[in-house]
């Protein structure tokens, strides 16, 4: 997965962590990204709610 990213959703939520999977090919499921937060919790974020993805890997 990708290292340290932050996802900003339409309702203003921010999820920061490591991308575990991006599922876009399954016909019956909403395309979503799974992010593992620092506390180990897996958060599923539907692509349709994402307004911005911030990549913290490339800094410094």
PDB file of N, CA and C in Angstrom:
ATOM      1  N   UNK A   1       0.824  -1.211   0.000  1.00  0.00           N
ATOM      2  CA  UNK A   1       0.000   0.000   0.000  1.00  0.00           C
ATOM      3  C   UNK A   1       0.852   1.253   0.000  1.00  0.00           C
ATOM      4  N   UNK A   2       0.200   2.362  -0.126  1.00  0.00           N
ATOM      5  CA  UNK A   2       0.888   3.652  -0.141  1.00  0.00           C
ATOM      6  C   UNK A   2       1.062   4.134   1.280  1.00  0.00           C
ATOM      7  N   UNK A   3       2.153   4.800   1.527  1.00  0.00           N
ATOM      8  CA  UNK A   3       2.478   5.193   2.891  1.00  0.00           C
ATOM      9  C   UNK A   3       1.526   6.154   3.551  1.00  0.00           C
ATOM     10  N   UNK A   4       1.937   7.391   3.676  1.00  0.00           N
ATOM     11  CA  UNK A   4       1.244   8.335   4.531  1.00  0.00           C
ATOM     12  C   UNK A   4       0.394   9.285   3.704  1.00  0.00           C
ATOM     13  N   UNK A   5      -0.909   9.004   3.618  1.00  0.00           N
ATOM     14  CA  UNK A   5      -1.791   9.866   2.853  1.00  0.00           C
ATOM     15  C   UNK A   5      -2.933  10.352   3.731  1.00  0.00           C
ATOM     16  N   UNK A   6      -3.574  11.423   3.280  1.00  0.00           N
ATOM     17  CA  UNK A   6      -4.717  11.970   3.992  1.00  0.00           C
ATOM     18  C   UNK A   6      -5.844  12.168   2.993  1.00  0.00           C
ATOM     19  N   UNK A   7      -7.027  11.679   3.348  1.00  0.00           N
ATOM     20  CA  UNK A   7      -8.186  11.804   2.476  1.00  0.00           C
ATOM     21  C   UNK A   7      -9.163  12.784   3.111  1.00  0.00           C
ATOM     22  N   UNK A   8      -9.598  13.767   2.314  1.00  0.00           N
ATOM     23  CA  UNK A   8     -10.594  14.723   2.776  1.00  0.00           C
ATOM     24  C   UNK A   8     -11.905  14.399   2.072  1.00  0.00           C
ATOM     25  N   UNK A   9     -12.977  14.208   2.864  1.00  0.00           N
ATOM     26  CA  UNK A   9     -14.263  13.859   2.282  1.00  0.00           C
ATOM     27  C   UNK A   9     -15.164  15.081   2.176  1.00  0.00           C
ATOM     28  N   UNK A  10     -16.258  14.920   1.431  1.00  0.00           N
ATOM     29  CA  UNK A  10     -17.158  16.020   1.128  1.00  0.00           C
ATOM     30  C   UNK A  10     -17.745  16.653   2.383  1.00  0.00           C
ATOM     31  N   UNK A  11     -17.951  15.848   3.423  1.00  0.00           N
ATOM     32  CA  UNK A  11     -18.543  16.390   4.649  1.00  0.00           C
ATOM     33  C   UNK A  11     -17.493  16.931   5.613  1.00  0.00           C
ATOM     34  N   UNK A  12     -16.244  17.013   5.146  1.00  0.00           N
ATOM     35  CA  UNK A  12     -15.218  17.663   5.948  1.00  0.00           C
ATOM     36  C   UNK A  12     -14.396  16.729   6.811  1.00  0.00           C
ATOM     37  N   UNK A  13     -14.687  15.424   6.749  1.00  0.00           N
ATOM     38  CA  UNK A  13     -13.890  14.477   7.518  1.00  0.00           C
ATOM     39  C   UNK A  13     -12.519  14.303   6.887  1.00  0.00           C
ATOM     40  N   UNK A  14     -11.540  14.034   7.734  1.00  0.00           N
ATOM     41  CA  UNK A  14     -10.198  13.743   7.240  1.00  0.00           C
ATOM     42  C   UNK A  14      -9.757  12.392   7.791  1.00  0.00           C
ATOM     43  N   UNK A  15      -9.289  11.539   6.909  1.00  0.00           N
ATOM     44  CA  UNK A  15      -8.770  10.241   7.325  1.00  0.00           C
ATOM     45  C   UNK A  15      -7.316  10.189   6.895  1.00  0.00           C
ATOM     46  N   UNK A  16      -6.431   9.992   7.862  1.00  0.00           N
ATOM     47  CA  UNK A  16      -5.013   9.942   7.535  1.00  0.00           C
ATOM     48  C   UNK A  16      -4.453   8.582   7.916  1.00  0.00           C
ATOM     49  N   UNK A  17      -3.681   7.992   7.012  1.00  0.00           N
ATOM     50  CA  UNK A  17      -3.117   6.686   7.305  1.00  0.00           C
ATOM     51  C   UNK A  17      -2.491   6.056   6.084  1.00  0.00           C
ATOM     52  N   UNK A  18      -2.523   4.732   6.047  1.00  0.00           N
ATOM     53  CA  UNK A  18      -1.897   3.957   4.980  1.00  0.00           C
ATOM     54  C   UNK A  18      -2.987   3.315   4.134  1.00  0.00           C
ATOM     55  N   UNK A  19      -2.908   3.498   2.823  1.00  0.00           N
ATOM     56  CA  UNK A  19      -3.882   2.887   1.924  1.00  0.00           C
ATOM     57  C   UNK A  19      -3.654   1.386   1.878  1.00  0.00           C
ATOM     58  N   UNK A  20      -4.682   0.617   2.196  1.00  0.00           N
ATOM     59  CA  UNK A  20      -4.582  -0.842   2.186  1.00  0.00           C
ATOM     60  C   UNK A  20      -5.114  -1.447   0.899  1.00  0.00           C
ATOM     61  N   UNK A  21      -6.164  -0.898   0.341  1.00  0.00           N
ATOM     62  CA  UNK A  21      -6.680  -1.430  -0.921  1.00  0.00           C
ATOM     63  C   UNK A  21      -7.563  -0.404  -1.595  1.00  0.00           C
ATOM     64  N   UNK A  22      -7.576  -0.468  -2.920  1.00  0.00           N
ATOM     65  CA  UNK A  22      -8.502   0.341  -3.694  1.00  0.00           C
ATOM     66  C   UNK A  22      -9.282  -0.613  -4.568  1.00  0.00           C
ATOM     67  N   UNK A  23     -10.579  -0.703  -4.325  1.00  0.00           N
ATOM     68  CA  UNK A  23     -11.402  -1.620  -5.098  1.00  0.00           C
ATOM     69  C   UNK A  23     -12.242  -0.814  -6.076  1.00  0.00           C
ATOM     70  N   UNK A  24     -11.999  -1.026  -7.349  1.00  0.00           N
ATOM     71  CA  UNK A  24     -12.767  -0.311  -8.357  1.00  0.00           C
ATOM     72  C   UNK A  24     -13.401  -1.259  -9.359  1.00  0.00           C
ATOM     73  N   UNK A  25     -13.073  -2.542  -9.289  1.00  0.00           N
ATOM     74  CA  UNK A  25     -13.462  -3.460 -10.356  1.00  0.00           C
ATOM     75  C   UNK A  25     -14.693  -4.285 -10.023  1.00  0.00           C
ATOM     76  N   UNK A  26     -15.097  -4.327  -8.755  1.00  0.00           N
ATOM     77  CA  UNK A  26     -16.225  -5.174  -8.400  1.00  0.00           C
ATOM     78  C   UNK A  26     -17.540  -4.489  -8.750  1.00  0.00           C
ATOM     79  N   UNK A  27     -18.378  -5.191  -9.490  1.00  0.00           N
ATOM     80  CA  UNK A  27     -19.571  -4.583 -10.064  1.00  0.00           C
ATOM     81  C   UNK A  27     -20.595  -4.160  -9.012  1.00  0.00           C
ATOM     82  N   UNK A  28     -20.730  -4.951  -7.964  1.00  0.00           N
ATOM     83  CA  UNK A  28     -21.832  -4.725  -7.036  1.00  0.00           C
ATOM     84  C   UNK A  28     -21.462  -3.881  -5.830  1.00  0.00           C
ATOM     85  N   UNK A  29     -20.200  -3.479  -5.735  1.00  0.00           N
ATOM     86  CA  UNK A  29     -19.800  -2.716  -4.565  1.00  0.00           C
ATOM     87  C   UNK A  29     -19.475  -1.283  -4.955  1.00  0.00           C
ATOM     88  N   UNK A  30     -19.689  -0.380  -4.019  1.00  0.00           N
ATOM     89  CA  UNK A  30     -19.313   1.010  -4.232  1.00  0.00           C
ATOM     90  C   UNK A  30     -17.800   1.103  -4.276  1.00  0.00           C
ATOM     91  N   UNK A  31     -17.250   1.748  -5.305  1.00  0.00           N
ATOM     92  CA  UNK A  31     -15.795   1.921  -5.329  1.00  0.00           C
ATOM     93  C   UNK A  31     -15.341   2.659  -4.080  1.00  0.00           C
ATOM     94  N   UNK A  32     -14.368   2.096  -3.396  1.00  0.00           N
ATOM     95  CA  UNK A  32     -13.939   2.698  -2.142  1.00  0.00           C
ATOM     96  C   UNK A  32     -12.468   2.420  -1.911  1.00  0.00           C
ATOM     97  N   UNK A  33     -11.907   3.182  -0.996  1.00  0.00           N
ATOM     98  CA  UNK A  33     -10.517   2.994  -0.618  1.00  0.00           C
ATOM     99  C   UNK A  33     -10.485   2.646   0.862  1.00  0.00           C
ATOM    100  N   UNK A  34      -9.636   1.687   1.211  1.00  0.00           N
ATOM    101  CA  UNK A  34      -9.491   1.310   2.619  1.00  0.00           C
ATOM    102  C   UNK A  34      -8.222   1.932   3.168  1.00  0.00           C
ATOM    103  N   UNK A  35      -8.367   2.650   4.268  1.00  0.00           N
ATOM    104  CA  UNK A  35      -7.230   3.316   4.889  1.00  0.00           C
ATOM    105  C   UNK A  35      -7.053   2.776   6.298  1.00  0.00           C
ATOM    106  N   UNK A  36      -5.822   2.378   6.619  1.00  0.00           N
ATOM    107  CA  UNK A  36      -5.524   1.946   7.985  1.00  0.00           C
ATOM    108  C   UNK A  36      -4.962   3.128   8.751  1.00  0.00           C
ATOM    109  N   UNK A  37      -5.699   3.554   9.771  1.00  0.00           N
ATOM    110  CA  UNK A  37      -5.278   4.702  10.557  1.00  0.00           C
ATOM    111  C   UNK A  37      -4.159   4.321  11.505  1.00  0.00           C
ATOM    112  N   UNK A  38      -3.581   5.340  12.136  1.00  0.00           N
ATOM    113  CA  UNK A  38      -2.470   5.116  13.047  1.00  0.00           C
ATOM    114  C   UNK A  38      -2.823   4.221  14.213  1.00  0.00           C
ATOM    115  N   UNK A  39      -4.102   4.233  14.605  1.00  0.00           N
ATOM    116  CA  UNK A  39      -4.523   3.397  15.735  1.00  0.00           C
ATOM    117  C   UNK A  39      -4.871   1.987  15.299  1.00  0.00           C
ATOM    118  N   UNK A  40      -4.680   1.685  13.999  1.00  0.00           N
ATOM    119  CA  UNK A  40      -4.911   0.340  13.505  1.00  0.00           C
ATOM    120  C   UNK A  40      -6.303   0.098  12.968  1.00  0.00           C
ATOM    121  N   UNK A  41      -7.187   1.077  13.110  1.00  0.00           N
ATOM    122  CA  UNK A  41      -8.546   0.911  12.607  1.00  0.00           C
ATOM    123  C   UNK A  41      -8.570   1.071  11.098  1.00  0.00           C
ATOM    124  N   UNK A  42      -9.349   0.195  10.423  1.00  0.00           N
ATOM    125  CA  UNK A  42      -9.504   0.285   8.979  1.00  0.00           C
ATOM    126  C   UNK A  42     -10.747   1.116   8.678  1.00  0.00           C
ATOM    127  N   UNK A  43     -10.561   2.156   7.877  1.00  0.00           N
ATOM    128  CA  UNK A  43     -11.670   3.027   7.513  1.00  0.00           C
ATOM    129  C   UNK A  43     -11.921   2.898   6.022  1.00  0.00           C
ATOM    130  N   UNK A  44     -13.195   2.646   5.655  1.00  0.00           N
ATOM    131  CA  UNK A  44     -13.562   2.547   4.249  1.00  0.00           C
ATOM    132  C   UNK A  44     -14.132   3.881   3.795  1.00  0.00           C
ATOM    133  N   UNK A  45     -13.549   4.445   2.751  1.00  0.00           N
ATOM    134  CA  UNK A  45     -14.009   5.730   2.245  1.00  0.00           C
ATOM    135  C   UNK A  45     -14.479   5.560   0.801  1.00  0.00           C
ATOM    136  N   UNK A  46     -15.770   5.772   0.538  1.00  0.00           N
ATOM    137  CA  UNK A  46     -16.263   5.681  -0.842  1.00  0.00           C
ATOM    138  C   UNK A  46     -15.637   6.761  -1.714  1.00  0.00           C
ATOM    139  N   UNK A  47     -15.254   6.372  -2.947  1.00  0.00           N
ATOM    140  CA  UNK A  47     -14.643   7.337  -3.855  1.00  0.00           C
ATOM    141  C   UNK A  47     -15.529   8.554  -4.074  1.00  0.00           C
ATOM    142  N   UNK A  48     -16.854   8.340  -4.074  1.00  0.00           N
ATOM    143  CA  UNK A  48     -17.777   9.424  -4.403  1.00  0.00           C
ATOM    144  C   UNK A  48     -17.764  10.537  -3.369  1.00  0.00           C
ATOM    145  N   UNK A  49     -17.250  10.254  -2.160  1.00  0.00           N
ATOM    146  CA  UNK A  49     -17.241  11.278  -1.119  1.00  0.00           C
ATOM    147  C   UNK A  49     -15.895  11.985  -1.004  1.00  0.00           C
ATOM    148  N   UNK A  50     -14.898  11.522  -1.769  1.00  0.00           N
ATOM    149  CA  UNK A  50     -13.555  12.090  -1.644  1.00  0.00           C
ATOM    150  C   UNK A  50     -13.454  13.387  -2.440  1.00  0.00           C
ATOM    151  N   UNK A  51     -13.007  14.462  -1.773  1.00  0.00           N
ATOM    152  CA  UNK A  51     -12.794  15.715  -2.490  1.00  0.00           C
ATOM    153  C   UNK A  51     -11.317  15.992  -2.702  1.00  0.00           C
ATOM    154  N   UNK A  52     -10.470  15.423  -1.853  1.00  0.00           N
ATOM    155  CA  UNK A  52      -9.035  15.671  -1.988  1.00  0.00           C
ATOM    156  C   UNK A  52      -8.253  14.527  -1.373  1.00  0.00           C
ATOM    157  N   UNK A  53      -7.138  14.180  -2.019  1.00  0.00           N
ATOM    158  CA  UNK A  53      -6.210  13.215  -1.440  1.00  0.00           C
ATOM    159  C   UNK A  53      -4.863  13.902  -1.322  1.00  0.00           C
ATOM    160  N   UNK A  54      -4.364  13.986  -0.096  1.00  0.00           N
ATOM    161  CA  UNK A  54      -3.100  14.664   0.166  1.00  0.00           C
ATOM    162  C   UNK A  54      -2.029  13.611   0.413  1.00  0.00           C
ATOM    163  N   UNK A  55      -0.964  13.679  -0.371  1.00  0.00           N
ATOM    164  CA  UNK A  55       0.126  12.718  -0.234  1.00  0.00           C
ATOM    165  C   UNK A  55       1.204  13.330   0.647  1.00  0.00           C
ATOM    166  N   UNK A  56       1.388  12.778   1.838  1.00  0.00           N
ATOM    167  CA  UNK A  56       2.378  13.298   2.770  1.00  0.00           C
ATOM    168  C   UNK A  56       3.744  12.631   2.586  1.00  0.00           C
ATOM    169  N   UNK A  57       3.844  11.695   1.633  1.00  0.00           N
ATOM    170  CA  UNK A  57       5.096  10.972   1.445  1.00  0.00           C
ATOM    171  C   UNK A  57       6.169  11.829   0.802  1.00  0.00           C
ATOM    172  N   UNK A  58       5.754  12.750  -0.059  1.00  0.00           N
ATOM    173  CA  UNK A  58       6.729  13.459  -0.882  1.00  0.00           C
ATOM    174  C   UNK A  58       7.317  14.677  -0.181  1.00  0.00           C
ATOM    175  N   UNK A  59       6.879  14.959   1.025  1.00  0.00           N
ATOM    176  CA  UNK A  59       7.360  16.152   1.720  1.00  0.00           C
ATOM    177  C   UNK A  59       8.662  15.865   2.443  1.00  0.00           C
ATOM    178  N   UNK A  60       9.576  16.816   2.347  1.00  0.00           N
ATOM    179  CA  UNK A  60      10.809  16.750   3.107  1.00  0.00           C
ATOM    180  C   UNK A  60      11.668  15.557   2.783  1.00  0.00           C
TER     181      UNK A  60
END
